[in-house]
């Protein structure tokens, strides 16, 4: 079955922009024209592709189609660049949507972006996502690559282990004195507030499990940005897990201390990417290997 490119563009734009009006602005046509193209595409495939709402979302069938359209768009932009075909400014650059966990973004992934952008005509669309959940974006076709803890490749993708990111537990000295004066135990760890980026951030609870072998449920403050997370920690709002590579500087700059110096948590990070041939994805993968190797601990099987 041959699909109409204008209908596919309308469909993917609605999902990306979250509305028919946003897609219309993106493609420089009317919202009614977008609606007509979506209806024609759904009639041709015999399935509803978009759940109308605010924002609009893809149905299960739509997610399958979205991955296809994203791959076509990605390869087409590379081809246009190679052939020197630039219809407008948007088509002069290849879009690289990537799911990256916040700590990798904070510590080493900006180096990756700089390396790639110096050698290729790309723009990045970084989705900050917890490493335990980032692979879902890859499966749905929302990103072309992702950093994940999952060692198993999704269909149509390939995976390689990058190494281990080591985390240690930090808190302000005032917080440590207030909650852990008698040491770390199930009582003090159940009472002391912890910090997490969001509801998906499970690393603090994994560390509690490592320390106590129990599923504790202490109070949690959710702080969704790195700077605010560290500031909240410095002000005594909770303890949290921080990459070890950042710890020495934080001890000096923010007065934080390691509350469990004999313990740490190693999180394995894997690089997932679409498996088709792409010079930009290949270049991105080379950069990821190069800069992750400088930061991460080698993974021993």
Protein backbone atom coordinates (compact mmCIF):
# COMPACT_ATOMS: atom_id res chain seq x y z
CA UNK A 1 0.00 0.00 0.00
CA UNK A 2 1.44 3.34 -1.10
CA UNK A 3 0.81 6.19 1.32
CA UNK A 4 0.52 9.87 0.49
CA UNK A 5 3.49 11.90 1.79
CA UNK A 6 1.39 15.02 2.43
CA UNK A 7 -1.00 12.99 4.58
CA UNK A 8 1.89 11.46 6.51
CA UNK A 9 3.40 14.91 7.06
CA UNK A 10 0.08 16.18 8.38
CA UNK A 11 -0.25 13.21 10.72
CA UNK A 12 3.27 13.46 12.19
CA UNK A 13 2.95 17.24 12.55
CA UNK A 14 -0.27 16.92 14.56
CA UNK A 15 1.46 14.52 16.97
CA UNK A 16 4.62 16.64 17.23
CA UNK A 17 2.78 19.95 17.66
CA UNK A 18 -0.05 18.50 19.77
CA UNK A 19 -2.89 20.04 17.76
CA UNK A 20 -4.34 20.46 14.28
CA UNK A 21 -3.79 24.22 14.53
CA UNK A 22 -0.13 23.77 15.45
CA UNK A 23 0.36 21.37 12.56
CA UNK A 24 -1.28 23.87 10.20
CA UNK A 25 1.14 26.59 11.29
CA UNK A 26 4.07 24.22 10.89
CA UNK A 27 3.10 23.19 7.35
CA UNK A 28 1.76 26.62 6.32
CA UNK A 29 -1.69 25.33 5.41
CA UNK A 30 -5.12 25.64 7.01
CA UNK A 31 -6.34 23.54 9.93
CA UNK A 32 -9.20 22.28 7.75
CA UNK A 33 -6.65 21.03 5.20
CA UNK A 34 -4.83 19.18 7.99
CA UNK A 35 -8.13 17.66 9.14
CA UNK A 36 -8.96 16.53 5.60
CA UNK A 37 -5.57 14.87 5.12
CA UNK A 38 -5.86 13.04 8.43
CA UNK A 39 -9.37 11.83 7.53
CA UNK A 40 -8.16 10.60 4.14
CA UNK A 41 -5.23 8.78 5.76
CA UNK A 42 -7.46 7.17 8.41
CA UNK A 43 -9.98 6.14 5.74
CA UNK A 44 -7.22 4.60 3.64
CA UNK A 45 -5.79 2.62 6.55
CA UNK A 46 -9.20 1.86 8.06
CA UNK A 47 -8.07 2.83 11.55
CA UNK A 48 -8.27 5.82 13.86
CA UNK A 49 -4.77 7.25 14.16
CA UNK A 50 -5.21 10.27 16.45
CA UNK A 51 -6.98 10.72 19.76
CA UNK A 52 -8.33 14.25 19.55
CA UNK A 53 -7.64 16.25 22.68
CA UNK A 54 -5.29 18.77 24.25
CA UNK A 55 -2.78 17.64 23.27
CA UNK A 56 -3.64 15.27 20.43
CA UNK A 57 -2.05 11.84 20.87
CA UNK A 58 -1.46 8.86 18.64
CA UNK A 59 -3.58 5.74 19.04
CA UNK A 60 -1.89 2.35 19.14
CA UNK A 61 -2.14 2.14 15.35
CA UNK A 62 -0.97 5.75 15.17
CA UNK A 63 2.14 4.94 17.19
CA UNK A 64 3.08 2.25 14.67
CA UNK A 65 2.60 4.71 11.83
CA UNK A 66 4.45 7.46 13.72
CA UNK A 67 7.62 5.37 13.94
CA UNK A 68 7.42 4.78 10.19
CA UNK A 69 6.89 8.47 9.39
CA UNK A 70 9.70 9.56 11.72
CA UNK A 71 12.09 7.16 10.00
CA UNK A 72 11.05 8.37 6.54
CA UNK A 73 11.40 12.00 7.59
CA UNK A 74 14.81 11.36 9.13
CA UNK A 75 16.19 9.56 6.07
CA UNK A 76 14.63 12.07 3.69
CA UNK A 77 16.29 15.00 5.46
CA UNK A 78 19.68 13.25 5.20
CA UNK A 79 19.09 12.54 1.50
CA UNK A 80 18.07 16.14 0.79
CA UNK A 81 21.22 17.37 2.50
CA UNK A 82 23.43 14.99 0.51
CA UNK A 83 21.78 16.02 -2.77
CA UNK A 84 21.85 19.72 -1.94
CA UNK A 85 18.06 20.01 -2.07
CA UNK A 86 16.88 22.67 0.37
CA UNK A 87 13.22 23.59 -0.03
CA UNK A 88 13.35 25.82 3.03
CA UNK A 89 15.44 26.42 6.11
CA UNK A 90 13.86 23.47 7.96
CA UNK A 91 15.19 20.98 5.41
CA UNK A 92 18.79 22.18 5.63
CA UNK A 93 19.23 20.40 8.96
CA UNK A 94 18.57 16.86 10.10
CA UNK A 95 16.55 16.66 13.31
CA UNK A 96 17.95 14.28 15.95
CA UNK A 97 15.37 13.54 18.67
CA UNK A 98 17.15 11.69 21.50
CA UNK A 99 16.06 10.54 24.95
CA UNK A 100 18.77 11.27 27.53
CA UNK A 101 18.61 10.92 31.31
CA UNK A 102 19.18 14.15 33.23
CA UNK A 103 22.46 13.09 34.84
CA UNK A 104 24.08 12.09 31.53
CA UNK A 105 22.91 15.38 30.07
CA UNK A 106 24.40 17.22 33.02
CA UNK A 107 27.74 15.38 33.06
CA UNK A 108 28.79 14.39 29.54
CA UNK A 109 26.15 14.49 26.80
CA UNK A 110 26.66 18.17 25.88
CA UNK A 111 30.15 17.11 24.73
CA UNK A 112 28.48 14.60 22.42
CA UNK A 113 26.23 17.26 20.94
CA UNK A 114 29.12 19.65 20.38
CA UNK A 115 31.20 16.93 18.68
CA UNK A 116 28.40 15.97 16.30
CA UNK A 117 27.30 19.49 15.44
CA UNK A 118 30.84 20.49 14.49
CA UNK A 119 30.92 17.73 11.89
CA UNK A 120 27.36 17.50 10.59
CA UNK A 121 24.34 19.65 9.80
CA UNK A 122 21.96 18.59 12.57
CA UNK A 123 19.73 20.05 15.23
CA UNK A 124 19.06 18.25 18.50
CA UNK A 125 15.74 17.62 20.16
CA UNK A 126 16.69 16.29 23.59
CA UNK A 127 13.97 14.59 25.63
CA UNK A 128 15.03 14.50 29.28
CA UNK A 129 13.74 11.13 30.45
CA UNK A 130 14.61 8.78 33.29
CA UNK A 131 16.92 5.99 32.13
CA UNK A 132 14.37 3.41 33.31
CA UNK A 133 11.70 4.76 30.98
CA UNK A 134 13.51 6.24 27.97
CA UNK A 135 13.27 3.11 25.82
CA UNK A 136 9.50 3.55 25.55
CA UNK A 137 10.08 6.74 23.53
CA UNK A 138 12.26 4.74 21.14
CA UNK A 139 9.66 2.00 20.73
CA UNK A 140 6.98 4.58 19.95
CA UNK A 141 9.12 6.31 17.33
CA UNK A 142 9.40 9.57 19.26
CA UNK A 143 13.21 9.43 19.27
CA UNK A 144 15.89 7.91 17.04
CA UNK A 145 18.17 6.99 19.95
CA UNK A 146 18.07 6.73 23.73
CA UNK A 147 20.15 6.09 26.82
CA UNK A 148 18.50 3.36 28.89
CA UNK A 149 19.22 0.84 31.63
CA UNK A 150 17.53 -1.84 29.51
CA UNK A 151 20.10 -4.15 27.87
CA UNK A 152 17.58 -5.60 25.39
CA UNK A 153 17.15 -3.89 22.03
CA UNK A 154 13.67 -2.89 20.91
CA UNK A 155 12.45 -4.24 17.53
CA UNK A 156 14.29 -2.50 14.68
CA UNK A 157 16.97 -1.16 17.01
CA UNK A 158 20.46 -2.07 18.15
CA UNK A 159 21.99 -1.69 21.60
CA UNK A 160 25.41 -1.57 23.25
CA UNK A 161 26.51 -1.17 26.86
CA UNK A 162 28.27 2.13 27.58
CA UNK A 163 29.31 1.48 31.17
CA UNK A 164 28.27 2.20 34.74
CA UNK A 165 27.37 5.54 36.26
CA UNK A 166 28.19 5.43 39.96
CA UNK A 167 25.91 7.28 42.39
CA UNK A 168 26.49 8.18 46.02
CA UNK A 169 24.07 9.56 48.61
CA UNK A 170 24.54 13.23 49.53
CA UNK A 171 22.90 15.62 51.97
CA UNK A 172 23.74 18.86 53.73
CA UNK A 173 25.67 18.53 56.97
CA UNK A 174 22.78 20.12 58.84
CA UNK A 175 20.36 17.56 57.38
CA UNK A 176 22.69 14.69 58.28
CA UNK A 177 22.97 15.91 61.86
CA UNK A 178 19.18 16.33 62.15
CA UNK A 179 18.10 12.96 60.75
CA UNK A 180 21.11 10.65 60.91
CA UNK A 181 22.85 11.59 64.17
CA UNK A 182 22.30 8.01 65.35
CA UNK A 183 23.23 6.49 62.00
CA UNK A 184 21.36 5.16 58.99
CA UNK A 185 18.73 2.58 59.91
CA UNK A 186 15.19 1.70 58.91
CA UNK A 187 13.72 4.23 61.33
CA UNK A 188 15.88 7.21 60.34
CA UNK A 189 15.67 6.39 56.63
CA UNK A 190 11.88 6.05 56.82
CA UNK A 191 11.63 9.49 58.45
CA UNK A 192 14.21 11.54 56.57
CA UNK A 193 12.78 13.23 53.42
CA UNK A 194 14.46 12.31 50.16
CA UNK A 195 14.68 14.17 46.87
CA UNK A 196 13.67 12.81 43.46
CA UNK A 197 13.37 14.40 40.03
CA UNK A 198 9.85 13.06 39.49
CA UNK A 199 7.67 10.00 40.10
CA UNK A 200 9.75 8.00 37.62
CA UNK A 201 13.00 8.59 39.50
CA UNK A 202 13.56 5.33 41.38
CA UNK A 203 17.27 5.52 42.19
CA UNK A 204 16.85 6.78 45.76
CA UNK A 205 14.47 3.92 46.58
CA UNK A 206 16.86 1.45 44.96
CA UNK A 207 19.59 2.75 47.27
CA UNK A 208 17.31 2.36 50.30
CA UNK A 209 16.69 -1.24 49.25
CA UNK A 210 20.44 -1.78 49.00
CA UNK A 211 21.02 -0.38 52.50
CA UNK A 212 18.16 -2.02 54.37
CA UNK A 213 16.85 -4.80 52.13
CA UNK A 214 13.41 -3.34 52.79
CA UNK A 215 10.95 -1.33 50.65
CA UNK A 216 10.85 1.87 52.71
CA UNK A 217 8.46 4.73 51.94
CA UNK A 218 9.93 7.97 53.30
CA UNK A 219 8.49 11.39 52.42
CA UNK A 220 9.62 12.62 48.99
CA UNK A 221 10.18 16.10 47.58
CA UNK A 222 10.00 16.06 43.77
CA UNK A 223 12.41 18.58 42.21
CA UNK A 224 12.42 18.28 38.39
CA UNK A 225 15.61 20.19 37.45
CA UNK A 226 19.27 19.49 38.29
CA UNK A 227 20.13 22.92 39.68
CA UNK A 228 17.01 23.11 41.83
CA UNK A 229 17.60 19.52 42.98
CA UNK A 230 21.08 20.38 44.26
CA UNK A 231 19.92 23.68 45.75
CA UNK A 232 17.14 21.92 47.63
CA UNK A 233 19.68 19.41 48.92
CA UNK A 234 22.04 22.20 50.04
CA UNK A 235 19.17 23.86 51.92
CA UNK A 236 18.36 20.69 53.81
CA UNK A 237 15.12 19.69 52.08
CA UNK A 238 16.24 16.10 51.64
CA UNK A 239 18.98 13.69 50.69
CA UNK A 240 19.49 12.34 47.20
CA UNK A 241 21.65 10.33 44.83
CA UNK A 242 24.24 12.22 42.78
CA UNK A 243 26.81 10.99 40.23
CA UNK A 244 30.09 10.39 42.06
CA UNK A 245 31.99 12.45 39.49
CA UNK A 246 30.14 15.54 40.68
CA UNK A 247 30.43 14.86 44.41
CA UNK A 248 33.83 16.41 45.15
CA UNK A 249 32.87 19.74 43.63
CA UNK A 250 29.52 19.74 45.40
CA UNK A 251 31.12 19.16 48.78
CA UNK A 252 33.10 22.36 48.33
CA UNK A 253 30.56 24.49 46.47
CA UNK A 254 27.37 23.55 48.33
CA UNK A 255 28.54 22.04 51.61
CA UNK A 256 27.21 18.55 50.90
CA UNK A 257 28.49 15.36 52.48
CA UNK A 258 28.34 11.64 51.69
CA UNK A 259 25.88 10.16 54.21
CA UNK A 260 26.80 6.53 53.42
CA UNK A 261 30.49 6.55 52.45
CA UNK A 262 30.78 2.76 52.34
CA UNK A 263 27.93 2.37 49.87
CA UNK A 264 27.25 3.35 46.28
CA UNK A 265 24.91 2.37 43.48
CA UNK A 266 26.14 1.53 39.96
CA UNK A 267 23.61 2.08 37.19
CA UNK A 268 24.36 0.42 33.82
CA UNK A 269 23.70 2.68 30.84
CA UNK A 270 23.02 1.36 27.36
CA UNK A 271 22.91 3.15 24.02
CA UNK A 272 19.91 2.29 21.85
CA UNK A 273 19.50 3.52 18.27
CA UNK A 274 17.55 2.72 15.16
CA UNK A 275 19.42 0.03 13.25
CA UNK A 276 19.17 1.37 9.68
CA UNK A 277 22.14 2.97 7.96
CA UNK A 278 22.49 6.68 8.72
CA UNK A 279 25.68 8.72 8.69
CA UNK A 280 24.31 11.06 11.36
CA UNK A 281 23.30 8.22 13.68
CA UNK A 282 26.68 6.58 13.07
CA UNK A 283 28.46 9.84 13.92
CA UNK A 284 26.29 10.28 17.01
CA UNK A 285 27.10 6.76 18.15
CA UNK A 286 30.85 7.35 17.72
CA UNK A 287 30.54 10.48 19.88
CA UNK A 288 28.50 8.68 22.54
CA UNK A 289 31.13 5.96 22.79
CA UNK A 290 33.96 8.50 22.97
CA UNK A 291 32.57 10.72 25.72
CA UNK A 292 30.81 8.09 27.81
CA UNK A 293 34.11 6.20 28.00
CA UNK A 294 35.69 9.22 29.70
CA UNK A 295 33.07 9.31 32.44
CA UNK A 296 31.51 5.89 32.96
CA UNK A 297 33.02 2.90 34.74
CA UNK A 298 33.67 -0.06 32.40
CA UNK A 299 31.01 -2.73 32.67
CA UNK A 300 32.41 -6.11 33.65
CA UNK A 301 30.32 -9.08 32.47
